[in-house]
Amino acid sequence: MPDQDLPSTFAALQARFRPGAVDRPITYYLSLGEQPGEKWTLVVSPTACEVREGKVVNADCVLKMPADKFIAMAAGRWQPGAMDVLSGKVKTSDIDLLRRLQQAFGL
């Protein structure tokens, strides 16, 4: 089940964080499904990243995709493209901040 892999996926992401990849704190809300354990908040800053389970009230960027796609993206096995966004497979409130998320972790 994908949600069981999410905690280890986020732990691995934290280890891959690239300090200096962003120039200001950015808060991401990741909606990766409708089951418990599939809503996450990720905050990246120039020097650190913080991950916590659950929804944040005010996010700079909302990202919605299936958990298995996020796990594949985090592992470097899949990269969302323009067609994924246009077709609605990946939904984001800010495409530029999605790119910054990928840069911050070398995805």
PDB file of N, CA and C in Angstrom:
ATOM      1  N   MET A   1       0.839  -1.185   0.000  1.00  0.00           N
ATOM      2  CA  MET A   1       0.000   0.000   0.000  1.00  0.00           C
ATOM      3  C   MET A   1       0.885   1.248   0.000  1.00  0.00           C
ATOM      4  N   PRO A   2       0.658   2.205  -0.921  1.00  0.00           N
ATOM      5  CA  PRO A   2       1.561   3.345  -1.062  1.00  0.00           C
ATOM      6  C   PRO A   2       1.725   4.187   0.185  1.00  0.00           C
ATOM      7  N   ASP A   3       0.649   4.400   0.976  1.00  0.00           N
ATOM      8  CA  ASP A   3       0.770   5.293   2.122  1.00  0.00           C
ATOM      9  C   ASP A   3       1.757   4.774   3.157  1.00  0.00           C
ATOM     10  N   GLN A   4       1.996   3.458   3.189  1.00  0.00           N
ATOM     11  CA  GLN A   4       2.968   2.907   4.130  1.00  0.00           C
ATOM     12  C   GLN A   4       4.393   3.287   3.730  1.00  0.00           C
ATOM     13  N   ASP A   5       4.600   3.591   2.456  1.00  0.00           N
ATOM     14  CA  ASP A   5       5.920   3.989   1.988  1.00  0.00           C
ATOM     15  C   ASP A   5       6.163   5.491   2.118  1.00  0.00           C
ATOM     16  N   LEU A   6       5.139   6.269   2.351  1.00  0.00           N
ATOM     17  CA  LEU A   6       5.308   7.716   2.394  1.00  0.00           C
ATOM     18  C   LEU A   6       6.239   8.192   3.508  1.00  0.00           C
ATOM     19  N   PRO A   7       6.123   7.693   4.741  1.00  0.00           N
ATOM     20  CA  PRO A   7       7.067   8.162   5.767  1.00  0.00           C
ATOM     21  C   PRO A   7       8.533   7.915   5.384  1.00  0.00           C
ATOM     22  N   SER A   8       8.834   6.744   4.838  1.00  0.00           N
ATOM     23  CA  SER A   8      10.229   6.481   4.444  1.00  0.00           C
ATOM     24  C   SER A   8      10.616   7.312   3.224  1.00  0.00           C
ATOM     25  N   THR A   9       9.664   7.593   2.344  1.00  0.00           N
ATOM     26  CA  THR A   9       9.941   8.447   1.184  1.00  0.00           C
ATOM     27  C   THR A   9      10.305   9.849   1.642  1.00  0.00           C
ATOM     28  N   PHE A  10       9.552  10.387   2.588  1.00  0.00           N
ATOM     29  CA  PHE A  10       9.852  11.729   3.086  1.00  0.00           C
ATOM     30  C   PHE A  10      11.158  11.761   3.873  1.00  0.00           C
ATOM     31  N   ALA A  11      11.468  10.708   4.594  1.00  0.00           N
ATOM     32  CA  ALA A  11      12.755  10.632   5.303  1.00  0.00           C
ATOM     33  C   ALA A  11      13.909  10.645   4.302  1.00  0.00           C
ATOM     34  N   ALA A  12      13.747   9.906   3.206  1.00  0.00           N
ATOM     35  CA  ALA A  12      14.784   9.884   2.177  1.00  0.00           C
ATOM     36  C   ALA A  12      14.915  11.248   1.503  1.00  0.00           C
ATOM     37  N   LEU A  13      13.786  11.926   1.294  1.00  0.00           N
ATOM     38  CA  LEU A  13      13.834  13.267   0.703  1.00  0.00           C
ATOM     39  C   LEU A  13      14.615  14.223   1.592  1.00  0.00           C
ATOM     40  N   GLN A  14      14.351  14.171   2.897  1.00  0.00           N
ATOM     41  CA  GLN A  14      15.067  15.061   3.821  1.00  0.00           C
ATOM     42  C   GLN A  14      16.572  14.859   3.713  1.00  0.00           C
ATOM     43  N   ALA A  15      17.000  13.628   3.535  1.00  0.00           N
ATOM     44  CA  ALA A  15      18.428  13.345   3.418  1.00  0.00           C
ATOM     45  C   ALA A  15      19.006  13.894   2.118  1.00  0.00           C
ATOM     46  N   ARG A  16      18.163  14.083   1.099  1.00  0.00           N
ATOM     47  CA  ARG A  16      18.616  14.581  -0.206  1.00  0.00           C
ATOM     48  C   ARG A  16      18.484  16.088  -0.349  1.00  0.00           C
ATOM     49  N   PHE A  17      18.004  16.758   0.681  1.00  0.00           N
ATOM     50  CA  PHE A  17      17.783  18.203   0.610  1.00  0.00           C
ATOM     51  C   PHE A  17      19.068  18.933   0.238  1.00  0.00           C
ATOM     52  N   ARG A  18      18.948  19.897  -0.673  1.00  0.00           N
ATOM     53  CA  ARG A  18      20.082  20.697  -1.132  1.00  0.00           C
ATOM     54  C   ARG A  18      19.980  22.109  -0.564  1.00  0.00           C
ATOM     55  N   PRO A  19      20.744  22.426   0.493  1.00  0.00           N
ATOM     56  CA  PRO A  19      20.718  23.788   1.026  1.00  0.00           C
ATOM     57  C   PRO A  19      21.066  24.801  -0.059  1.00  0.00           C
ATOM     58  N   GLY A  20      20.381  25.922  -0.039  1.00  0.00           N
ATOM     59  CA  GLY A  20      20.631  26.974  -1.005  1.00  0.00           C
ATOM     60  C   GLY A  20      19.831  26.850  -2.291  1.00  0.00           C
ATOM     61  N   ALA A  21      19.032  25.785  -2.436  1.00  0.00           N
ATOM     62  CA  ALA A  21      18.257  25.586  -3.666  1.00  0.00           C
ATOM     63  C   ALA A  21      17.074  26.549  -3.770  1.00  0.00           C
ATOM     64  N   VAL A  22      16.623  27.050  -2.633  1.00  0.00           N
ATOM     65  CA  VAL A  22      15.560  28.051  -2.628  1.00  0.00           C
ATOM     66  C   VAL A  22      16.067  29.285  -1.902  1.00  0.00           C
ATOM     67  N   ASP A  23      15.475  30.433  -2.220  1.00  0.00           N
ATOM     68  CA  ASP A  23      15.963  31.677  -1.625  1.00  0.00           C
ATOM     69  C   ASP A  23      15.086  32.206  -0.495  1.00  0.00           C
ATOM     70  N   ARG A  24      13.995  31.502  -0.208  1.00  0.00           N
ATOM     71  CA  ARG A  24      13.088  31.913   0.864  1.00  0.00           C
ATOM     72  C   ARG A  24      12.318  30.683   1.329  1.00  0.00           C
ATOM     73  N   PRO A  25      11.713  30.741   2.512  1.00  0.00           N
ATOM     74  CA  PRO A  25      10.901  29.601   2.951  1.00  0.00           C
ATOM     75  C   PRO A  25       9.681  29.420   2.033  1.00  0.00           C
ATOM     76  N   ILE A  26       9.428  28.183   1.650  1.00  0.00           N
ATOM     77  CA  ILE A  26       8.283  27.835   0.808  1.00  0.00           C
ATOM     78  C   ILE A  26       7.558  26.663   1.471  1.00  0.00           C
ATOM     79  N   THR A  27       6.251  26.811   1.628  1.00  0.00           N
ATOM     80  CA  THR A  27       5.437  25.769   2.234  1.00  0.00           C
ATOM     81  C   THR A  27       4.640  25.056   1.151  1.00  0.00           C
ATOM     82  N   TYR A  28       4.751  23.735   1.134  1.00  0.00           N
ATOM     83  CA  TYR A  28       4.034  22.891   0.186  1.00  0.00           C
ATOM     84  C   TYR A  28       3.017  22.042   0.939  1.00  0.00           C
ATOM     85  N   TYR A  29       1.815  21.972   0.397  1.00  0.00           N
ATOM     86  CA  TYR A  29       0.827  21.019   0.894  1.00  0.00           C
ATOM     87  C   TYR A  29       0.711  19.924  -0.149  1.00  0.00           C
ATOM     88  N   LEU A  30       0.979  18.691   0.244  1.00  0.00           N
ATOM     89  CA  LEU A  30       0.979  17.553  -0.663  1.00  0.00           C
ATOM     90  C   LEU A  30      -0.219  16.664  -0.358  1.00  0.00           C
ATOM     91  N   SER A  31      -1.160  16.640  -1.262  1.00  0.00           N
ATOM     92  CA  SER A  31      -2.334  15.784  -1.151  1.00  0.00           C
ATOM     93  C   SER A  31      -2.091  14.587  -2.056  1.00  0.00           C
ATOM     94  N   LEU A  32      -1.782  13.450  -1.440  1.00  0.00           N
ATOM     95  CA  LEU A  32      -1.339  12.278  -2.190  1.00  0.00           C
ATOM     96  C   LEU A  32      -2.370  11.156  -2.181  1.00  0.00           C
ATOM     97  N   GLY A  33      -3.585  11.484  -1.828  1.00  0.00           N
ATOM     98  CA  GLY A  33      -4.681  10.515  -1.786  1.00  0.00           C
ATOM     99  C   GLY A  33      -5.686  10.918  -0.738  1.00  0.00           C
ATOM    100  N   GLU A  34      -6.687  10.091  -0.567  1.00  0.00           N
ATOM    101  CA  GLU A  34      -7.762  10.407   0.376  1.00  0.00           C
ATOM    102  C   GLU A  34      -7.708   9.578   1.648  1.00  0.00           C
ATOM    103  N   GLN A  35      -6.752   8.680   1.744  1.00  0.00           N
ATOM    104  CA  GLN A  35      -6.641   7.813   2.911  1.00  0.00           C
ATOM    105  C   GLN A  35      -5.859   8.501   4.030  1.00  0.00           C
ATOM    106  N   PRO A  36      -6.024   8.048   5.275  1.00  0.00           N
ATOM    107  CA  PRO A  36      -5.185   8.578   6.359  1.00  0.00           C
ATOM    108  C   PRO A  36      -3.707   8.371   6.017  1.00  0.00           C
ATOM    109  N   GLY A  37      -2.883   9.356   6.331  1.00  0.00           N
ATOM    110  CA  GLY A  37      -1.457   9.267   6.055  1.00  0.00           C
ATOM    111  C   GLY A  37      -1.064   9.717   4.664  1.00  0.00           C
ATOM    112  N   GLU A  38      -2.015  10.289   3.900  1.00  0.00           N
ATOM    113  CA  GLU A  38      -1.699  10.721   2.536  1.00  0.00           C
ATOM    114  C   GLU A  38      -1.765  12.236   2.354  1.00  0.00           C
ATOM    115  N   LYS A  39      -1.788  12.977   3.448  1.00  0.00           N
ATOM    116  CA  LYS A  39      -1.745  14.448   3.419  1.00  0.00           C
ATOM    117  C   LYS A  39      -0.502  14.878   4.188  1.00  0.00           C
ATOM    118  N   TRP A  40       0.351  15.670   3.533  1.00  0.00           N
ATOM    119  CA  TRP A  40       1.631  16.047   4.136  1.00  0.00           C
ATOM    120  C   TRP A  40       1.918  17.524   3.909  1.00  0.00           C
ATOM    121  N   THR A  41       2.707  18.089   4.806  1.00  0.00           N
ATOM    122  CA  THR A  41       3.199  19.457   4.672  1.00  0.00           C
ATOM    123  C   THR A  41       4.718  19.396   4.625  1.00  0.00           C
ATOM    124  N   LEU A  42       5.278  20.107   3.660  1.00  0.00           N
ATOM    125  CA  LEU A  42       6.725  20.158   3.472  1.00  0.00           C
ATOM    126  C   LEU A  42       7.124  21.626   3.419  1.00  0.00           C
ATOM    127  N   VAL A  43       8.043  22.019   4.283  1.00  0.00           N
ATOM    128  CA  VAL A  43       8.531  23.397   4.299  1.00  0.00           C
ATOM    129  C   VAL A  43      10.020  23.366   3.975  1.00  0.00           C
ATOM    130  N   VAL A  44      10.389  24.060   2.902  1.00  0.00           N
ATOM    131  CA  VAL A  44      11.795  24.167   2.540  1.00  0.00           C
ATOM    132  C   VAL A  44      12.234  25.616   2.699  1.00  0.00           C
ATOM    133  N   SER A  45      13.440  25.790   3.174  1.00  0.00           N
ATOM    134  CA  SER A  45      14.017  27.124   3.333  1.00  0.00           C
ATOM    135  C   SER A  45      15.429  27.072   2.747  1.00  0.00           C
ATOM    136  N   PRO A  46      16.133  28.184   2.712  1.00  0.00           N
ATOM    137  CA  PRO A  46      17.496  28.144   2.179  1.00  0.00           C
ATOM    138  C   PRO A  46      18.431  27.191   2.933  1.00  0.00           C
ATOM    139  N   THR A  47      18.123  26.899   4.204  1.00  0.00           N
ATOM    140  CA  THR A  47      19.049  26.097   4.998  1.00  0.00           C
ATOM    141  C   THR A  47      18.509  24.763   5.493  1.00  0.00           C
ATOM    142  N   ALA A  48      17.201  24.529   5.393  1.00  0.00           N
ATOM    143  CA  ALA A  48      16.642  23.311   5.984  1.00  0.00           C
ATOM    144  C   ALA A  48      15.323  22.927   5.320  1.00  0.00           C
ATOM    145  N   CYS A  49      14.876  21.712   5.638  1.00  0.00           N
ATOM    146  CA  CYS A  49      13.544  21.293   5.230  1.00  0.00           C
ATOM    147  C   CYS A  49      12.888  20.595   6.409  1.00  0.00           C
ATOM    148  N   GLU A  50      11.579  20.736   6.468  1.00  0.00           N
ATOM    149  CA  GLU A  50      10.803  20.134   7.546  1.00  0.00           C
ATOM    150  C   GLU A  50       9.616  19.421   6.923  1.00  0.00           C
ATOM    151  N   VAL A  51       9.353  18.223   7.379  1.00  0.00           N
ATOM    152  CA  VAL A  51       8.233  17.428   6.887  1.00  0.00           C
ATOM    153  C   VAL A  51       7.357  17.066   8.062  1.00  0.00           C
ATOM    154  N   ARG A  52       6.046  17.201   7.864  1.00  0.00           N
ATOM    155  CA  ARG A  52       5.116  16.742   8.898  1.00  0.00           C
ATOM    156  C   ARG A  52       3.850  16.234   8.224  1.00  0.00           C
ATOM    157  N   GLU A  53       3.287  15.240   8.833  1.00  0.00           N
ATOM    158  CA  GLU A  53       2.049  14.687   8.305  1.00  0.00           C
ATOM    159  C   GLU A  53       0.911  15.650   8.607  1.00  0.00           C
ATOM    160  N   GLY A  54      -0.006  15.782   7.669  1.00  0.00           N
ATOM    161  CA  GLY A  54      -1.183  16.609   7.865  1.00  0.00           C
ATOM    162  C   GLY A  54      -1.207  17.810   6.936  1.00  0.00           C
ATOM    163  N   LYS A  55      -2.348  18.463   6.961  1.00  0.00           N
ATOM    164  CA  LYS A  55      -2.600  19.606   6.090  1.00  0.00           C
ATOM    165  C   LYS A  55      -2.217  20.905   6.775  1.00  0.00           C
ATOM    166  N   VAL A  56      -1.696  21.825   5.996  1.00  0.00           N
ATOM    167  CA  VAL A  56      -1.364  23.155   6.470  1.00  0.00           C
ATOM    168  C   VAL A  56      -2.457  24.098   5.964  1.00  0.00           C
ATOM    169  N   VAL A  57      -2.747  25.150   6.721  1.00  0.00           N
ATOM    170  CA  VAL A  57      -3.806  26.076   6.329  1.00  0.00           C
ATOM    171  C   VAL A  57      -3.390  26.930   5.136  1.00  0.00           C
ATOM    172  N   ASN A  58      -2.210  27.534   5.207  1.00  0.00           N
ATOM    173  CA  ASN A  58      -1.747  28.405   4.127  1.00  0.00           C
ATOM    174  C   ASN A  58      -0.477  27.845   3.514  1.00  0.00           C
ATOM    175  N   ALA A  59      -0.601  27.332   2.301  1.00  0.00           N
ATOM    176  CA  ALA A  59       0.556  26.794   1.587  1.00  0.00           C
ATOM    177  C   ALA A  59       0.877  27.703   0.412  1.00  0.00           C
ATOM    178  N   ASP A  60       2.160  27.839   0.121  1.00  0.00           N
ATOM    179  CA  ASP A  60       2.572  28.590  -1.067  1.00  0.00           C
ATOM    180  C   ASP A  60       2.249  27.805  -2.326  1.00  0.00           C
ATOM    181  N   CYS A  61       2.294  26.471  -2.220  1.00  0.00           N
ATOM    182  CA  CYS A  61       2.045  25.607  -3.369  1.00  0.00           C
ATOM    183  C   CYS A  61       1.290  24.369  -2.904  1.00  0.00           C
ATOM    184  N   VAL A  62       0.234  24.041  -3.625  1.00  0.00           N
ATOM    185  CA  VAL A  62      -0.514  22.810  -3.379  1.00  0.00           C
ATOM    186  C   VAL A  62      -0.170  21.852  -4.515  1.00  0.00           C
ATOM    187  N   LEU A  63       0.139  20.634  -4.155  1.00  0.00           N
ATOM    188  CA  LEU A  63       0.461  19.601  -5.129  1.00  0.00           C
ATOM    189  C   LEU A  63      -0.432  18.405  -4.864  1.00  0.00           C
ATOM    190  N   LYS A  64      -1.135  17.980  -5.888  1.00  0.00           N
ATOM    191  CA  LYS A  64      -2.034  16.832  -5.751  1.00  0.00           C
ATOM    192  C   LYS A  64      -1.684  15.815  -6.822  1.00  0.00           C
ATOM    193  N   MET A  65      -1.377  14.606  -6.360  1.00  0.00           N
ATOM    194  CA  MET A  65      -1.061  13.499  -7.265  1.00  0.00           C
ATOM    195  C   MET A  65      -1.212  12.205  -6.480  1.00  0.00           C
ATOM    196  N   PRO A  66      -1.320  11.072  -7.171  1.00  0.00           N
ATOM    197  CA  PRO A  66      -1.381   9.791  -6.459  1.00  0.00           C
ATOM    198  C   PRO A  66      -0.084   9.523  -5.690  1.00  0.00           C
ATOM    199  N   ALA A  67      -0.216   8.876  -4.551  1.00  0.00           N
ATOM    200  CA  ALA A  67       0.953   8.586  -3.708  1.00  0.00           C
ATOM    201  C   ALA A  67       2.015   7.796  -4.465  1.00  0.00           C
ATOM    202  N   ASP A  68       1.592   6.829  -5.290  1.00  0.00           N
ATOM    203  CA  ASP A  68       2.581   6.022  -5.998  1.00  0.00           C
ATOM    204  C   ASP A  68       3.388   6.862  -6.985  1.00  0.00           C
ATOM    205  N   LYS A  69       2.775   7.877  -7.592  1.00  0.00           N
ATOM    206  CA  LYS A  69       3.498   8.774  -8.499  1.00  0.00           C
ATOM    207  C   LYS A  69       4.496   9.634  -7.713  1.00  0.00           C
ATOM    208  N   PHE A  70       4.078  10.117  -6.541  1.00  0.00           N
ATOM    209  CA  PHE A  70       4.988  10.922  -5.724  1.00  0.00           C
ATOM    210  C   PHE A  70       6.184  10.087  -5.275  1.00  0.00           C
ATOM    211  N   ILE A  71       5.933   8.856  -4.867  1.00  0.00           N
ATOM    212  CA  ILE A  71       7.013   7.963  -4.439  1.00  0.00           C
ATOM    213  C   ILE A  71       7.977   7.716  -5.597  1.00  0.00           C
ATOM    214  N   ALA A  72       7.434   7.501  -6.803  1.00  0.00           N
ATOM    215  CA  ALA A  72       8.281   7.296  -7.987  1.00  0.00           C
ATOM    216  C   ALA A  72       9.076   8.556  -8.311  1.00  0.00           C
ATOM    217  N   MET A  73       8.450   9.734  -8.176  1.00  0.00           N
ATOM    218  CA  MET A  73       9.150  10.996  -8.423  1.00  0.00           C
ATOM    219  C   MET A  73      10.288  11.181  -7.419  1.00  0.00           C
ATOM    220  N   ALA A  74      10.004  10.923  -6.154  1.00  0.00           N
ATOM    221  CA  ALA A  74      11.017  11.090  -5.114  1.00  0.00           C
ATOM    222  C   ALA A  74      12.177  10.120  -5.288  1.00  0.00           C
ATOM    223  N   ALA A  75      11.898   8.961  -5.867  1.00  0.00           N
ATOM    224  CA  ALA A  75      12.944   7.957  -6.085  1.00  0.00           C
ATOM    225  C   ALA A  75      13.696   8.182  -7.396  1.00  0.00           C
ATOM    226  N   GLY A  76      13.254   9.163  -8.189  1.00  0.00           N
ATOM    227  CA  GLY A  76      13.920   9.444  -9.442  1.00  0.00           C
ATOM    228  C   GLY A  76      13.493   8.542 -10.590  1.00  0.00           C
ATOM    229  N   ARG A  77      12.410   7.800 -10.407  1.00  0.00           N
ATOM    230  CA  ARG A  77      11.936   6.893 -11.452  1.00  0.00           C
ATOM    231  C   ARG A  77      10.913   7.551 -12.381  1.00  0.00           C
ATOM    232  N   TRP A  78      10.427   8.728 -12.022  1.00  0.00           N
ATOM    233  CA  TRP A  78       9.398   9.389 -12.818  1.00  0.00           C
ATOM    234  C   TRP A  78       9.492  10.887 -12.595  1.00  0.00           C
ATOM    235  N   GLN A  79       9.277  11.645 -13.645  1.00  0.00           N
ATOM    236  CA  GLN A  79       9.290  13.094 -13.552  1.00  0.00           C
ATOM    237  C   GLN A  79       8.019  13.625 -14.211  1.00  0.00           C
ATOM    238  N   PRO A  80       7.224  14.425 -13.477  1.00  0.00           N
ATOM    239  CA  PRO A  80       6.001  14.943 -14.086  1.00  0.00           C
ATOM    240  C   PRO A  80       6.330  15.901 -15.227  1.00  0.00           C
ATOM    241  N   GLY A  81       5.615  15.744 -16.317  1.00  0.00           N
ATOM    242  CA  GLY A  81       5.807  16.608 -17.469  1.00  0.00           C
ATOM    243  C   GLY A  81       4.587  17.470 -17.709  1.00  0.00           C
ATOM    244  N   ALA A  82       4.658  18.279 -18.727  1.00  0.00           N
ATOM    245  CA  ALA A  82       3.558  19.190 -19.057  1.00  0.00           C
ATOM    246  C   ALA A  82       2.259  18.430 -19.303  1.00  0.00           C
ATOM    247  N   MET A  83       2.329  17.290 -19.963  1.00  0.00           N
ATOM    248  CA  MET A  83       1.109  16.522 -20.246  1.00  0.00           C
ATOM    249  C   MET A  83       0.469  15.988 -18.974  1.00  0.00           C
ATOM    250  N   ASP A  84       1.276  15.661 -17.957  1.00  0.00           N
ATOM    251  CA  ASP A  84       0.723  15.198 -16.685  1.00  0.00           C
ATOM    252  C   ASP A  84      -0.092  16.301 -16.021  1.00  0.00           C
ATOM    253  N   VAL A  85       0.405  17.527 -16.122  1.00  0.00           N
ATOM    254  CA  VAL A  85      -0.309  18.674 -15.539  1.00  0.00           C
ATOM    255  C   VAL A  85      -1.539  18.997 -16.379  1.00  0.00           C
ATOM    256  N   LEU A  86      -1.375  19.044 -17.694  1.00  0.00           N
ATOM    257  CA  LEU A  86      -2.490  19.384 -18.578  1.00  0.00           C
ATOM    258  C   LEU A  86      -3.613  18.356 -18.511  1.00  0.00           C
ATOM    259  N   SER A  87      -3.269  17.086 -18.337  1.00  0.00           N
ATOM    260  CA  SER A  87      -4.279  16.032 -18.281  1.00  0.00           C
ATOM    261  C   SER A  87      -4.926  15.913 -16.900  1.00  0.00           C
ATOM    262  N   GLY A  88      -4.354  16.583 -15.905  1.00  0.00           N
ATOM    263  CA  GLY A  88      -4.908  16.527 -14.553  1.00  0.00           C
ATOM    264  C   GLY A  88      -4.373  15.387 -13.708  1.00  0.00           C
ATOM    265  N   LYS A  89      -3.421  14.602 -14.224  1.00  0.00           N
ATOM    266  CA  LYS A  89      -2.816  13.539 -13.416  1.00  0.00           C
ATOM    267  C   LYS A  89      -2.040  14.135 -12.249  1.00  0.00           C
ATOM    268  N   VAL A  90      -1.463  15.306 -12.501  1.00  0.00           N
ATOM    269  CA  VAL A  90      -0.755  16.065 -11.471  1.00  0.00           C
ATOM    270  C   VAL A  90      -1.403  17.446 -11.434  1.00  0.00           C
ATOM    271  N   LYS A  91      -1.801  17.858 -10.249  1.00  0.00           N
ATOM    272  CA  LYS A  91      -2.395  19.191 -10.110  1.00  0.00           C
ATOM    273  C   LYS A  91      -1.528  20.001  -9.174  1.00  0.00           C
ATOM    274  N   THR A  92      -1.268  21.244  -9.570  1.00  0.00           N
ATOM    275  CA  THR A  92      -0.475  22.133  -8.737  1.00  0.00           C
ATOM    276  C   THR A  92      -1.015  23.545  -8.841  1.00  0.00           C
ATOM    277  N   SER A  93      -0.879  24.278  -7.773  1.00  0.00           N
ATOM    278  CA  SER A  93      -1.320  25.673  -7.777  1.00  0.00           C
ATOM    279  C   SER A  93      -0.236  26.597  -8.317  1.00  0.00           C
ATOM    280  N   ASP A  94       1.005  26.073  -8.461  1.00  0.00           N
ATOM    281  CA  ASP A  94       2.107  26.913  -8.921  1.00  0.00           C
ATOM    282  C   ASP A  94       3.179  26.034  -9.557  1.00  0.00           C
ATOM    283  N   ILE A  95       3.217  26.018 -10.871  1.00  0.00           N
ATOM    284  CA  ILE A  95       4.158  25.147 -11.599  1.00  0.00           C
ATOM    285  C   ILE A  95       5.611  25.519 -11.314  1.00  0.00           C
ATOM    286  N   ASP A  96       5.889  26.809 -11.129  1.00  0.00           N
ATOM    287  CA  ASP A  96       7.257  27.235 -10.832  1.00  0.00           C
ATOM    288  C   ASP A  96       7.711  26.698  -9.472  1.00  0.00           C
ATOM    289  N   LEU A  97       6.823  26.725  -8.490  1.00  0.00           N
ATOM    290  CA  LEU A  97       7.192  26.202  -7.169  1.00  0.00           C
ATOM    291  C   LEU A  97       7.324  24.676  -7.194  1.00  0.00           C
ATOM    292  N   LEU A  98       6.600  24.017  -8.084  1.00  0.00           N
ATOM    293  CA  LEU A  98       6.796  22.577  -8.254  1.00  0.00           C
ATOM    294  C   LEU A  98       8.207  22.309  -8.775  1.00  0.00           C
ATOM    295  N   ARG A  99       8.657  23.113  -9.714  1.00  0.00           N
ATOM    296  CA  ARG A  99      10.041  22.974 -10.226  1.00  0.00           C
ATOM    297  C   ARG A  99      11.058  23.233  -9.117  1.00  0.00           C
ATOM    298  N   ARG A 100      10.797  24.227  -8.294  1.00  0.00           N
ATOM    299  CA  ARG A 100      11.727  24.519  -7.180  1.00  0.00           C
ATOM    300  C   ARG A 100      11.782  23.360  -6.196  1.00  0.00           C
ATOM    301  N   LEU A 101      10.644  22.713  -5.980  1.00  0.00           N
ATOM    302  CA  LEU A 101      10.620  21.532  -5.099  1.00  0.00           C
ATOM    303  C   LEU A 101      11.536  20.458  -5.675  1.00  0.00           C
ATOM    304  N   GLN A 102      11.432  20.238  -6.978  1.00  0.00           N
ATOM    305  CA  GLN A 102      12.280  19.237  -7.617  1.00  0.00           C
ATOM    306  C   GLN A 102      13.761  19.624  -7.509  1.00  0.00           C
ATOM    307  N   GLN A 103      14.077  20.898  -7.676  1.00  0.00           N
ATOM    308  CA  GLN A 103      15.464  21.356  -7.576  1.00  0.00           C
ATOM    309  C   GLN A 103      15.993  21.207  -6.150  1.00  0.00           C
ATOM    310  N   ALA A 104      15.150  21.477  -5.165  1.00  0.00           N
ATOM    311  CA  ALA A 104      15.589  21.422  -3.767  1.00  0.00           C
ATOM    312  C   ALA A 104      16.015  20.034  -3.333  1.00  0.00           C
ATOM    313  N   PHE A 105      15.511  19.012  -4.052  1.00  0.00           N
ATOM    314  CA  PHE A 105      15.836  17.634  -3.693  1.00  0.00           C
ATOM    315  C   PHE A 105      16.520  16.864  -4.817  1.00  0.00           C
ATOM    316  N   GLY A 106      16.888  17.553  -5.892  1.00  0.00           N
ATOM    317  CA  GLY A 106      17.562  16.893  -6.999  1.00  0.00           C
ATOM    318  C   GLY A 106      16.717  15.861  -7.699  1.00  0.00           C
ATOM    319  N   LEU A 107      15.437  16.163  -7.858  1.00  0.00           N
ATOM    320  CA  LEU A 107      14.501  15.202  -8.483  1.00  0.00           C
ATOM    321  C   LEU A 107      14.430  15.401  -9.975  1.00  0.00           C
TER     322      LEU A 107
END
